[in-house]
N, C-alpha and C. Protein backbone atom coordinates (compact mmCIF):
# COMPACT_ATOMS: atom_id res chain seq x y z
N MET A 1 0.85 -1.17 0.00
CA MET A 1 0.00 0.00 0.00
C MET A 1 0.90 1.23 0.00
N THR A 2 0.59 2.17 -0.84
CA THR A 2 1.35 3.41 -0.91
C THR A 2 0.50 4.52 -0.33
N ILE A 3 1.10 5.33 0.51
CA ILE A 3 0.37 6.44 1.10
C ILE A 3 1.16 7.71 0.86
N ASN A 4 0.47 8.74 0.45
CA ASN A 4 1.09 10.02 0.16
C ASN A 4 1.88 10.52 1.36
N ALA A 5 3.05 11.04 1.11
CA ALA A 5 3.92 11.51 2.19
C ALA A 5 3.33 12.70 2.93
N ASN A 6 2.40 13.41 2.34
CA ASN A 6 1.77 14.55 3.03
C ASN A 6 0.88 14.09 4.17
N LEU A 7 0.60 12.80 4.24
CA LEU A 7 -0.32 12.27 5.22
C LEU A 7 0.26 12.27 6.63
N ALA A 8 1.55 12.13 6.76
CA ALA A 8 2.14 11.99 8.08
C ALA A 8 3.40 12.83 8.19
N ARG A 9 3.80 13.05 9.42
CA ARG A 9 5.06 13.76 9.65
C ARG A 9 6.21 12.84 9.27
N LYS A 10 7.27 13.41 8.74
CA LYS A 10 8.43 12.63 8.35
C LYS A 10 9.12 12.07 9.57
N PHE A 11 9.42 10.78 9.50
CA PHE A 11 10.13 10.11 10.58
C PHE A 11 11.11 9.16 9.92
N GLY A 12 12.38 9.50 9.97
CA GLY A 12 13.38 8.64 9.35
C GLY A 12 13.39 8.79 7.85
N ASP A 13 14.12 7.91 7.21
CA ASP A 13 14.28 7.99 5.76
C ASP A 13 13.73 6.76 5.04
N GLY A 14 12.66 6.20 5.51
CA GLY A 14 12.07 5.06 4.83
C GLY A 14 12.09 3.82 5.69
N LEU A 15 12.65 2.76 5.14
CA LEU A 15 12.66 1.48 5.84
C LEU A 15 13.56 1.52 7.07
N PRO A 16 13.23 0.75 8.09
CA PRO A 16 14.06 0.74 9.30
C PRO A 16 15.44 0.15 9.01
N THR A 17 16.45 0.72 9.64
CA THR A 17 17.81 0.21 9.51
C THR A 17 17.94 -1.06 10.34
N ASP A 18 19.07 -1.75 10.21
CA ASP A 18 19.30 -2.94 11.02
C ASP A 18 19.31 -2.59 12.50
N THR A 19 19.87 -1.42 12.83
CA THR A 19 19.89 -0.97 14.23
C THR A 19 18.47 -0.72 14.73
N ASP A 20 17.64 -0.07 13.91
CA ASP A 20 16.24 0.17 14.26
C ASP A 20 15.51 -1.16 14.48
N ARG A 21 15.75 -2.10 13.59
CA ARG A 21 15.08 -3.40 13.67
C ARG A 21 15.46 -4.14 14.96
N ALA A 22 16.75 -4.11 15.28
CA ALA A 22 17.21 -4.80 16.49
C ALA A 22 16.64 -4.13 17.74
N ALA A 23 16.64 -2.80 17.77
CA ALA A 23 16.11 -2.08 18.93
C ALA A 23 14.61 -2.33 19.07
N ALA A 24 13.89 -2.33 17.95
CA ALA A 24 12.44 -2.58 17.99
C ALA A 24 12.16 -3.99 18.50
N ASP A 25 12.96 -4.95 18.05
CA ASP A 25 12.75 -6.32 18.50
C ASP A 25 13.03 -6.46 20.00
N GLN A 26 14.09 -5.79 20.47
CA GLN A 26 14.43 -5.83 21.89
C GLN A 26 13.32 -5.19 22.73
N LEU A 27 12.82 -4.05 22.29
CA LEU A 27 11.75 -3.37 23.02
C LEU A 27 10.46 -4.19 22.97
N ARG A 28 10.18 -4.81 21.84
CA ARG A 28 8.99 -5.66 21.72
C ARG A 28 9.06 -6.81 22.72
N ARG A 29 10.22 -7.45 22.82
CA ARG A 29 10.39 -8.55 23.76
C ARG A 29 10.22 -8.07 25.21
N LEU A 30 10.73 -6.88 25.49
CA LEU A 30 10.58 -6.31 26.82
C LEU A 30 9.10 -6.11 27.17
N LEU A 31 8.34 -5.59 26.21
CA LEU A 31 6.90 -5.37 26.45
C LEU A 31 6.14 -6.68 26.60
N VAL A 32 6.50 -7.67 25.80
CA VAL A 32 5.83 -8.97 25.92
C VAL A 32 6.11 -9.57 27.29
N THR A 33 7.36 -9.47 27.75
CA THR A 33 7.72 -9.97 29.08
C THR A 33 6.95 -9.20 30.15
N ALA A 34 6.87 -7.89 30.00
CA ALA A 34 6.14 -7.07 30.97
C ALA A 34 4.67 -7.45 31.01
N MET A 35 4.10 -7.79 29.85
CA MET A 35 2.68 -8.16 29.81
C MET A 35 2.42 -9.45 30.59
N THR A 36 3.41 -10.34 30.60
CA THR A 36 3.20 -11.61 31.31
C THR A 36 3.65 -11.54 32.77
N GLU A 37 4.67 -10.72 33.06
CA GLU A 37 5.24 -10.72 34.41
C GLU A 37 4.87 -9.49 35.24
N ALA A 38 4.65 -8.35 34.60
CA ALA A 38 4.47 -7.11 35.35
C ALA A 38 3.06 -6.53 35.17
N ARG A 39 2.10 -7.41 35.05
CA ARG A 39 0.72 -6.95 34.86
C ARG A 39 0.14 -6.52 36.20
N THR A 40 -0.50 -5.35 36.20
CA THR A 40 -1.16 -4.84 37.40
C THR A 40 -2.65 -4.73 37.09
N GLU A 41 -3.42 -4.26 38.08
CA GLU A 41 -4.85 -4.07 37.84
C GLU A 41 -5.10 -3.00 36.79
N GLU A 42 -4.23 -1.99 36.74
CA GLU A 42 -4.41 -0.88 35.80
C GLU A 42 -3.90 -1.21 34.41
N GLY A 43 -2.94 -2.12 34.32
CA GLY A 43 -2.37 -2.44 33.02
C GLY A 43 -1.01 -3.10 33.15
N VAL A 44 -0.10 -2.74 32.26
CA VAL A 44 1.22 -3.34 32.20
C VAL A 44 2.24 -2.35 32.74
N ALA A 45 2.99 -2.75 33.77
CA ALA A 45 3.99 -1.88 34.37
C ALA A 45 5.31 -2.05 33.63
N VAL A 46 5.85 -0.94 33.13
CA VAL A 46 7.12 -0.94 32.42
C VAL A 46 8.08 -0.04 33.19
N SER A 47 9.21 -0.60 33.59
CA SER A 47 10.20 0.17 34.35
C SER A 47 11.20 0.81 33.40
N PHE A 48 11.70 1.99 33.79
CA PHE A 48 12.70 2.69 33.00
C PHE A 48 13.46 3.63 33.91
N VAL A 49 14.57 4.16 33.42
CA VAL A 49 15.35 5.14 34.17
C VAL A 49 14.95 6.52 33.65
N ASP A 50 14.46 7.36 34.55
CA ASP A 50 14.05 8.72 34.20
C ASP A 50 15.30 9.50 33.79
N PRO A 51 15.33 10.05 32.57
CA PRO A 51 16.53 10.74 32.11
C PRO A 51 16.84 12.02 32.89
N GLU A 52 15.84 12.64 33.50
CA GLU A 52 16.07 13.87 34.26
C GLU A 52 16.60 13.59 35.66
N THR A 53 15.98 12.64 36.34
CA THR A 53 16.36 12.37 37.74
C THR A 53 17.35 11.22 37.87
N ARG A 54 17.51 10.46 36.80
CA ARG A 54 18.39 9.28 36.80
C ARG A 54 17.94 8.22 37.81
N ARG A 55 16.67 8.27 38.17
CA ARG A 55 16.12 7.29 39.11
C ARG A 55 15.20 6.34 38.35
N LYS A 56 15.07 5.16 38.92
CA LYS A 56 14.19 4.17 38.32
C LYS A 56 12.74 4.65 38.47
N ALA A 57 12.01 4.57 37.39
CA ALA A 57 10.60 4.99 37.39
C ALA A 57 9.78 3.90 36.71
N GLU A 58 8.47 4.07 36.74
CA GLU A 58 7.58 3.07 36.17
C GLU A 58 6.43 3.78 35.47
N ILE A 59 6.03 3.23 34.36
CA ILE A 59 4.86 3.74 33.64
C ILE A 59 3.90 2.58 33.47
N ILE A 60 2.62 2.86 33.59
CA ILE A 60 1.60 1.83 33.44
C ILE A 60 0.94 2.03 32.07
N LEU A 61 1.04 1.01 31.23
CA LEU A 61 0.39 1.03 29.92
C LEU A 61 -0.88 0.20 29.99
N SER A 62 -1.95 0.69 29.42
CA SER A 62 -3.16 -0.12 29.35
C SER A 62 -2.84 -1.35 28.48
N PRO A 63 -3.54 -2.45 28.70
CA PRO A 63 -3.28 -3.64 27.87
C PRO A 63 -3.44 -3.34 26.38
N HIS A 64 -4.42 -2.52 26.04
CA HIS A 64 -4.64 -2.16 24.63
C HIS A 64 -3.44 -1.39 24.07
N LEU A 65 -2.95 -0.42 24.82
CA LEU A 65 -1.81 0.37 24.37
C LEU A 65 -0.55 -0.49 24.27
N ALA A 66 -0.35 -1.38 25.24
CA ALA A 66 0.81 -2.28 25.20
C ALA A 66 0.74 -3.17 23.96
N GLN A 67 -0.44 -3.69 23.65
CA GLN A 67 -0.61 -4.55 22.48
C GLN A 67 -0.37 -3.76 21.19
N LEU A 68 -0.81 -2.52 21.16
CA LEU A 68 -0.58 -1.66 20.00
C LEU A 68 0.91 -1.44 19.78
N PHE A 69 1.64 -1.13 20.85
CA PHE A 69 3.09 -0.94 20.74
C PHE A 69 3.77 -2.23 20.28
N ILE A 70 3.36 -3.36 20.82
CA ILE A 70 3.96 -4.64 20.43
C ILE A 70 3.76 -4.89 18.94
N GLU A 71 2.56 -4.63 18.45
CA GLU A 71 2.27 -4.83 17.02
C GLU A 71 3.11 -3.88 16.16
N LEU A 72 3.20 -2.63 16.56
CA LEU A 72 4.01 -1.65 15.83
C LEU A 72 5.48 -2.08 15.80
N LEU A 73 6.00 -2.47 16.95
CA LEU A 73 7.40 -2.88 17.05
C LEU A 73 7.66 -4.17 16.27
N ARG A 74 6.67 -5.05 16.19
CA ARG A 74 6.83 -6.26 15.40
C ARG A 74 7.03 -5.93 13.93
N HIS A 75 6.23 -5.01 13.42
CA HIS A 75 6.38 -4.60 12.02
C HIS A 75 7.74 -3.97 11.77
N ILE A 76 8.17 -3.10 12.67
CA ILE A 76 9.47 -2.45 12.50
C ILE A 76 10.59 -3.47 12.57
N SER A 77 10.53 -4.41 13.52
CA SER A 77 11.59 -5.42 13.64
C SER A 77 11.61 -6.36 12.44
N ASP A 78 10.47 -6.50 11.75
CA ASP A 78 10.42 -7.30 10.52
C ASP A 78 10.95 -6.52 9.32
N GLY A 79 11.25 -5.23 9.52
CA GLY A 79 11.77 -4.42 8.43
C GLY A 79 10.71 -3.72 7.61
N ASP A 80 9.46 -3.74 8.09
CA ASP A 80 8.37 -3.10 7.36
C ASP A 80 8.35 -1.60 7.63
N ALA A 81 7.99 -0.83 6.61
CA ALA A 81 7.74 0.59 6.81
C ALA A 81 6.34 0.72 7.39
N VAL A 82 6.14 1.63 8.32
CA VAL A 82 4.87 1.78 9.01
C VAL A 82 4.42 3.23 8.90
N THR A 83 3.14 3.42 8.62
CA THR A 83 2.57 4.76 8.57
C THR A 83 1.43 4.84 9.56
N LEU A 84 1.44 5.87 10.39
CA LEU A 84 0.35 6.09 11.33
C LEU A 84 -0.57 7.16 10.76
N ILE A 85 -1.86 6.91 10.84
CA ILE A 85 -2.84 7.86 10.32
C ILE A 85 -3.78 8.23 11.46
N PRO A 86 -3.77 9.48 11.89
CA PRO A 86 -4.72 9.89 12.94
C PRO A 86 -6.16 9.70 12.44
N VAL A 87 -7.03 9.13 13.28
CA VAL A 87 -8.38 8.82 12.83
C VAL A 87 -9.20 10.08 12.54
N SER A 88 -8.80 11.21 13.09
CA SER A 88 -9.55 12.44 12.83
C SER A 88 -9.06 13.15 11.56
N LYS A 89 -8.06 12.61 10.91
CA LYS A 89 -7.45 13.23 9.73
C LYS A 89 -8.43 13.25 8.56
N MET A 90 -8.47 14.38 7.86
CA MET A 90 -9.24 14.48 6.62
C MET A 90 -8.30 14.13 5.48
N LEU A 91 -8.69 13.14 4.67
CA LEU A 91 -7.84 12.63 3.61
C LEU A 91 -8.27 13.17 2.26
N THR A 92 -7.30 13.32 1.36
CA THR A 92 -7.63 13.65 -0.02
C THR A 92 -8.14 12.39 -0.70
N THR A 93 -8.71 12.54 -1.87
CA THR A 93 -9.20 11.36 -2.58
C THR A 93 -8.04 10.45 -2.97
N GLN A 94 -6.88 11.01 -3.29
CA GLN A 94 -5.74 10.17 -3.64
C GLN A 94 -5.25 9.37 -2.43
N GLN A 95 -5.18 10.01 -1.28
CA GLN A 95 -4.76 9.30 -0.07
C GLN A 95 -5.74 8.18 0.26
N ALA A 96 -7.04 8.47 0.17
CA ALA A 96 -8.06 7.46 0.46
C ALA A 96 -7.99 6.32 -0.55
N ALA A 97 -7.78 6.65 -1.82
CA ALA A 97 -7.67 5.61 -2.85
C ALA A 97 -6.46 4.72 -2.58
N ASP A 98 -5.36 5.31 -2.17
CA ASP A 98 -4.16 4.54 -1.86
C ASP A 98 -4.42 3.57 -0.70
N ILE A 99 -5.14 4.02 0.31
CA ILE A 99 -5.45 3.16 1.46
C ILE A 99 -6.35 2.00 1.04
N LEU A 100 -7.32 2.26 0.17
CA LEU A 100 -8.23 1.22 -0.30
C LEU A 100 -7.62 0.37 -1.41
N ASN A 101 -6.48 0.81 -1.93
CA ASN A 101 -5.79 0.13 -3.03
C ASN A 101 -6.65 0.11 -4.29
N VAL A 102 -7.25 1.26 -4.58
CA VAL A 102 -8.03 1.44 -5.80
C VAL A 102 -7.54 2.71 -6.48
N SER A 103 -7.96 2.91 -7.71
CA SER A 103 -7.58 4.15 -8.40
C SER A 103 -8.40 5.31 -7.86
N ARG A 104 -7.89 6.52 -8.03
CA ARG A 104 -8.62 7.70 -7.59
C ARG A 104 -9.94 7.85 -8.36
N PRO A 105 -9.95 7.64 -9.72
CA PRO A 105 -11.23 7.72 -10.43
C PRO A 105 -12.27 6.71 -9.91
N HIS A 106 -11.81 5.50 -9.56
CA HIS A 106 -12.75 4.51 -9.02
C HIS A 106 -13.31 4.98 -7.68
N LEU A 107 -12.45 5.54 -6.84
CA LEU A 107 -12.92 6.04 -5.54
C LEU A 107 -13.96 7.14 -5.76
N ILE A 108 -13.71 8.04 -6.69
CA ILE A 108 -14.67 9.13 -6.95
C ILE A 108 -16.00 8.55 -7.42
N LYS A 109 -15.97 7.49 -8.23
CA LYS A 109 -17.22 6.82 -8.63
C LYS A 109 -17.94 6.27 -7.40
N LEU A 110 -17.16 5.70 -6.46
CA LEU A 110 -17.78 5.20 -5.22
C LEU A 110 -18.43 6.34 -4.44
N LEU A 111 -17.76 7.48 -4.40
CA LEU A 111 -18.31 8.62 -3.66
C LEU A 111 -19.57 9.14 -4.31
N ARG A 112 -19.62 9.16 -5.64
CA ARG A 112 -20.76 9.68 -6.38
C ARG A 112 -21.93 8.71 -6.45
N SER A 113 -21.65 7.42 -6.28
CA SER A 113 -22.64 6.39 -6.48
C SER A 113 -23.84 6.58 -5.56
N GLU A 114 -25.01 6.75 -6.17
CA GLU A 114 -26.22 6.94 -5.38
C GLU A 114 -26.84 5.61 -4.98
N ASP A 115 -26.48 4.54 -5.71
CA ASP A 115 -27.02 3.23 -5.36
C ASP A 115 -26.05 2.48 -4.44
N ASN A 116 -25.18 3.21 -3.79
CA ASN A 116 -24.21 2.63 -2.87
C ASN A 116 -24.57 3.09 -1.45
N PRO A 117 -25.53 2.40 -0.79
CA PRO A 117 -25.99 2.86 0.51
C PRO A 117 -24.91 2.81 1.58
N GLY A 118 -23.95 1.94 1.45
CA GLY A 118 -22.86 1.86 2.42
C GLY A 118 -21.68 2.69 1.97
N GLY A 119 -21.97 3.74 1.21
CA GLY A 119 -20.92 4.58 0.65
C GLY A 119 -20.09 5.29 1.70
N ILE A 120 -19.12 6.00 1.22
CA ILE A 120 -18.20 6.69 2.09
C ILE A 120 -18.63 8.15 2.23
N PRO A 121 -18.93 8.61 3.43
CA PRO A 121 -19.26 10.02 3.60
C PRO A 121 -18.05 10.89 3.28
N PHE A 122 -18.30 12.06 2.70
CA PHE A 122 -17.22 12.98 2.40
C PHE A 122 -17.72 14.41 2.49
N GLU A 123 -16.79 15.33 2.54
CA GLU A 123 -17.12 16.75 2.57
C GLU A 123 -16.48 17.43 1.38
N MET A 124 -17.16 18.44 0.88
CA MET A 124 -16.57 19.25 -0.19
C MET A 124 -15.92 20.46 0.45
N ILE A 125 -14.65 20.66 0.17
CA ILE A 125 -13.93 21.84 0.63
C ILE A 125 -13.50 22.56 -0.64
N GLY A 126 -14.27 23.59 -0.96
CA GLY A 126 -14.08 24.22 -2.27
C GLY A 126 -14.51 23.23 -3.33
N ARG A 127 -13.61 22.92 -4.26
CA ARG A 127 -13.91 21.94 -5.30
C ARG A 127 -13.37 20.56 -4.96
N HIS A 128 -12.78 20.41 -3.79
CA HIS A 128 -12.09 19.17 -3.44
C HIS A 128 -12.87 18.35 -2.42
N ARG A 129 -12.86 17.04 -2.63
CA ARG A 129 -13.52 16.13 -1.69
C ARG A 129 -12.52 15.76 -0.59
N ARG A 130 -13.00 15.70 0.64
CA ARG A 130 -12.18 15.27 1.77
C ARG A 130 -12.95 14.19 2.51
N ILE A 131 -12.23 13.14 2.90
CA ILE A 131 -12.83 11.98 3.55
C ILE A 131 -12.20 11.81 4.92
N ARG A 132 -13.03 11.71 5.94
CA ARG A 132 -12.51 11.49 7.29
C ARG A 132 -11.96 10.06 7.38
N ALA A 133 -10.78 9.92 7.97
CA ALA A 133 -10.12 8.61 8.06
C ALA A 133 -11.02 7.58 8.74
N THR A 134 -11.74 7.98 9.79
CA THR A 134 -12.61 7.01 10.48
C THR A 134 -13.68 6.46 9.54
N ASP A 135 -14.26 7.32 8.70
CA ASP A 135 -15.27 6.87 7.75
C ASP A 135 -14.67 5.93 6.71
N LEU A 136 -13.46 6.25 6.25
CA LEU A 136 -12.80 5.40 5.27
C LEU A 136 -12.48 4.03 5.85
N PHE A 137 -11.97 3.99 7.08
CA PHE A 137 -11.63 2.71 7.70
C PHE A 137 -12.89 1.88 7.98
N GLU A 138 -13.99 2.54 8.33
CA GLU A 138 -15.25 1.83 8.54
C GLU A 138 -15.74 1.22 7.22
N PHE A 139 -15.66 1.98 6.13
CA PHE A 139 -16.03 1.47 4.82
C PHE A 139 -15.16 0.27 4.45
N LYS A 140 -13.85 0.40 4.69
CA LYS A 140 -12.91 -0.68 4.36
C LYS A 140 -13.22 -1.93 5.19
N ARG A 141 -13.53 -1.75 6.46
CA ARG A 141 -13.86 -2.89 7.32
C ARG A 141 -15.11 -3.62 6.80
N LYS A 142 -16.16 -2.84 6.46
CA LYS A 142 -17.40 -3.45 5.95
C LYS A 142 -17.15 -4.14 4.62
N ARG A 143 -16.37 -3.50 3.74
CA ARG A 143 -16.06 -4.09 2.43
C ARG A 143 -15.31 -5.40 2.61
N ASP A 144 -14.35 -5.42 3.52
CA ASP A 144 -13.57 -6.64 3.76
C ASP A 144 -14.44 -7.75 4.34
N GLU A 145 -15.37 -7.39 5.24
CA GLU A 145 -16.29 -8.39 5.81
C GLU A 145 -17.18 -8.97 4.73
N GLU A 146 -17.69 -8.12 3.83
CA GLU A 146 -18.55 -8.59 2.74
C GLU A 146 -17.78 -9.52 1.81
N ARG A 147 -16.54 -9.17 1.51
CA ARG A 147 -15.71 -10.02 0.64
C ARG A 147 -15.46 -11.38 1.30
N THR A 148 -15.16 -11.37 2.58
CA THR A 148 -14.90 -12.62 3.30
C THR A 148 -16.15 -13.49 3.31
N ARG A 149 -17.30 -12.87 3.58
CA ARG A 149 -18.56 -13.63 3.59
C ARG A 149 -18.85 -14.21 2.22
N ALA A 150 -18.65 -13.43 1.15
CA ALA A 150 -18.91 -13.91 -0.21
C ALA A 150 -17.96 -15.06 -0.57
N LEU A 151 -16.70 -14.94 -0.18
CA LEU A 151 -15.74 -16.02 -0.44
C LEU A 151 -16.11 -17.29 0.33
N ASP A 152 -16.55 -17.12 1.57
CA ASP A 152 -16.98 -18.28 2.36
C ASP A 152 -18.17 -18.98 1.70
N GLU A 153 -19.11 -18.19 1.17
CA GLU A 153 -20.27 -18.76 0.49
C GLU A 153 -19.84 -19.49 -0.77
N LEU A 154 -18.91 -18.92 -1.52
CA LEU A 154 -18.41 -19.57 -2.73
C LEU A 154 -17.70 -20.89 -2.40
N MET A 155 -16.92 -20.88 -1.34
CA MET A 155 -16.22 -22.10 -0.94
C MET A 155 -17.20 -23.17 -0.48
N ALA A 156 -18.24 -22.75 0.22
CA ALA A 156 -19.26 -23.70 0.68
C ALA A 156 -20.01 -24.29 -0.52
N ALA A 157 -20.35 -23.44 -1.48
CA ALA A 157 -21.05 -23.92 -2.69
C ALA A 157 -20.16 -24.86 -3.49
N ASP A 158 -18.87 -24.54 -3.57
CA ASP A 158 -17.91 -25.37 -4.29
C ASP A 158 -17.74 -26.72 -3.59
N ALA A 159 -17.75 -26.71 -2.25
CA ALA A 159 -17.61 -27.95 -1.49
C ALA A 159 -18.81 -28.87 -1.73
N ASP A 160 -19.98 -28.30 -1.94
CA ASP A 160 -21.18 -29.09 -2.20
C ASP A 160 -21.09 -29.79 -3.55
N LEU A 161 -20.38 -29.23 -4.50
CA LEU A 161 -20.25 -29.81 -5.83
C LEU A 161 -19.24 -30.96 -5.86
N ILE A 162 -18.35 -30.99 -4.91
CA ILE A 162 -17.30 -32.01 -4.92
C ILE A 162 -17.79 -33.30 -4.33
């Protein structure tokens, strides 16, 4: 998937280096260990040395946040480039098309389609369409669920013929 560079703040120069990958893997392992050994009622306790006071400190990550970091670090340690998209971000049609892996003209047809009740909401800003990331991800989730259901039905029908 290609995403326009205007979508996010620049961080690094592309793919993670070997040093980045090793550090991400080490930090991922630390978080996984903390999830199993340092779990509290509030979440996952992660110890660190405070750079200002030079004293040992602790931060509590919610289980959801810890899992998110682990997933992010897994991708980086695998050498994958990662892009974060704030859910409140308004996307251009090209950015949205890139996320859906469709052409921009096809996306515009989807936006215009009146017989598409599960369409993607958008706003006109001047002459330009803008799509909220949350709406786009919801559309993508529903589309993926429909595709999975249709494939399951096809496989079931095919199994009946065998």
